[in-house]
Amino acid sequence: MSRWHHVGIEVENLLYSKAFYTEMLGFECVKERYYKGEHLVFLQKEGLMIELVKTHNDQSKSSSVHFAIEVDSIEEWRLFFQDSGMVPLEEPNQLEDFHSIFYHGPSGEQIELVEKVNDY
């Protein structure tokens, strides 16, 4: 394996999820298409690729995926999310190599923000 290509997230509301990742987190929509009954939206930011997947059946479900995005300042993002009405899932974690905080995304996915303290 050479590198991470993308993470796929099954979403309940594609428009809401797309707006969350583009407007709140600054991802750019780079591709959108339909494939085998699924509506696929690919979002990219600084080498990270997220695929939002909306199936067209009635069995919508919350996602159980968690992924981490490295940020320069947990506190700046915590305040930004707080001003947007988002509440962290728990208090920030302070480990010896990094600090992190978790939030729910629009379809229940867990978004972990990581601030490196030391190299690990």
Protein backbone atom coordinates (compact mmCIF):
# COMPACT_ATOMS: atom_id res chain seq x y z
CA MET A 1 0.00 0.00 0.00
CA SER A 2 1.27 3.44 -0.80
CA ARG A 3 -1.30 5.92 0.56
CA TRP A 4 -4.89 6.53 1.51
CA HIS A 5 -7.17 7.13 -1.50
CA HIS A 6 -10.54 8.03 0.05
CA VAL A 7 -13.06 7.22 2.76
CA GLY A 8 -16.67 6.48 1.81
CA ILE A 9 -19.55 7.59 4.02
CA GLU A 10 -23.13 6.43 3.52
CA VAL A 11 -25.29 9.46 4.14
CA GLU A 12 -28.96 9.99 4.92
CA ASN A 13 -29.26 13.45 3.34
CA LEU A 14 -26.79 14.05 0.52
CA LEU A 15 -27.43 17.78 0.13
CA TYR A 16 -27.00 18.44 3.86
CA SER A 17 -23.84 16.30 4.07
CA LYS A 18 -22.34 17.93 0.98
CA ALA A 19 -23.03 21.40 2.40
CA PHE A 20 -21.51 20.43 5.76
CA TYR A 21 -18.23 19.22 4.27
CA THR A 22 -17.91 22.04 1.72
CA GLU A 23 -19.17 25.01 3.75
CA MET A 24 -18.05 24.04 7.25
CA LEU A 25 -14.84 22.11 6.56
CA GLY A 26 -13.76 23.68 3.27
CA PHE A 27 -13.80 20.59 1.04
CA GLU A 28 -14.31 21.09 -2.70
CA CYS A 29 -16.69 18.97 -4.77
CA VAL A 30 -14.50 17.42 -7.49
CA LYS A 31 -16.85 14.82 -8.97
CA GLU A 32 -20.49 13.81 -8.79
CA ARG A 33 -22.09 10.86 -10.55
CA TYR A 34 -24.63 8.04 -10.39
CA TYR A 35 -23.42 4.46 -10.38
CA LYS A 36 -25.48 1.28 -9.89
CA GLY A 37 -28.32 3.05 -8.11
CA GLU A 38 -26.10 5.20 -5.90
CA HIS A 39 -25.51 8.94 -6.02
CA LEU A 40 -21.79 9.53 -5.41
CA VAL A 41 -20.17 12.84 -4.48
CA PHE A 42 -16.39 13.11 -4.19
CA LEU A 43 -15.01 15.92 -2.05
CA GLN A 44 -11.34 16.85 -1.73
CA LYS A 45 -9.19 19.06 0.48
CA GLU A 46 -5.41 19.08 0.80
CA GLY A 47 -4.94 15.50 -0.37
CA LEU A 48 -7.92 14.10 1.58
CA MET A 49 -10.77 12.59 -0.43
CA ILE A 50 -14.23 11.83 0.96
CA GLU A 51 -16.89 9.98 -1.03
CA LEU A 52 -20.45 10.66 0.06
CA VAL A 53 -22.76 7.79 -0.94
CA LYS A 54 -26.54 8.07 -1.07
CA THR A 55 -28.34 4.87 -1.98
CA HIS A 56 -31.85 5.15 -3.33
CA ASN A 57 -33.46 2.54 -1.15
CA ASP A 58 -35.52 3.12 1.97
CA GLN A 59 -32.98 1.52 4.27
CA SER A 60 -31.13 4.67 5.25
CA LYS A 61 -28.85 4.24 8.19
CA SER A 62 -26.35 6.22 10.18
CA SER A 63 -22.73 5.75 9.36
CA SER A 64 -20.42 4.04 11.82
CA VAL A 65 -17.20 5.33 10.28
CA HIS A 66 -14.73 7.52 12.13
CA PHE A 67 -11.90 9.39 10.52
CA ALA A 68 -9.37 11.94 11.73
CA ILE A 69 -8.32 15.23 10.20
CA GLU A 70 -5.16 16.94 11.43
CA VAL A 71 -5.66 20.61 12.32
CA ASP A 72 -3.30 23.32 13.54
CA SER A 73 -5.45 24.26 16.56
CA ILE A 74 -8.11 22.14 18.25
CA GLU A 75 -9.27 25.21 20.19
CA GLU A 76 -9.92 27.28 17.06
CA TRP A 77 -12.00 24.47 15.54
CA ARG A 78 -13.82 23.83 18.84
CA LEU A 79 -14.86 27.50 18.96
CA PHE A 80 -15.84 27.49 15.26
CA PHE A 81 -18.02 24.40 15.73
CA GLN A 82 -19.47 25.80 18.96
CA ASP A 83 -20.48 28.99 17.13
CA SER A 84 -22.14 26.75 14.51
CA GLY A 85 -24.15 24.93 17.19
CA MET A 86 -22.11 21.73 17.19
CA VAL A 87 -21.34 20.01 20.47
CA PRO A 88 -18.35 17.69 20.93
CA LEU A 89 -19.08 14.06 21.76
CA GLU A 90 -16.77 14.33 24.78
CA GLU A 91 -14.20 16.64 26.28
CA PRO A 92 -10.97 16.98 24.27
CA ASN A 93 -8.50 14.13 24.71
CA GLN A 94 -4.97 15.12 25.66
CA LEU A 95 -2.54 12.35 24.88
CA GLU A 96 1.20 12.68 25.05
CA ASP A 97 1.65 12.94 21.25
CA PHE A 98 -1.57 14.64 20.20
CA HIS A 99 -4.79 16.24 21.34
CA SER A 100 -8.10 15.28 19.76
CA ILE A 101 -11.80 15.99 19.89
CA PHE A 102 -14.74 14.14 18.30
CA TYR A 103 -17.90 15.46 16.64
CA HIS A 104 -20.78 13.82 14.81
CA GLY A 105 -21.07 14.57 11.11
CA PRO A 106 -24.44 14.94 9.39
CA SER A 107 -25.07 11.17 9.06
CA GLY A 108 -23.68 10.03 12.39
CA GLU A 109 -20.08 9.57 11.24
CA GLN A 110 -17.53 10.52 13.85
CA ILE A 111 -15.11 13.24 12.84
CA GLU A 112 -11.97 13.37 14.96
CA LEU A 113 -9.91 16.55 14.86
CA VAL A 114 -6.26 15.93 15.78
CA GLU A 115 -3.62 18.47 16.80
CA LYS A 116 -0.13 17.00 16.91
CA VAL A 117 1.91 17.93 19.97
CA ASN A 118 4.98 15.77 19.29
CA ASP A 119 5.97 13.57 16.39
CA TYR A 120 4.87 9.95 16.77
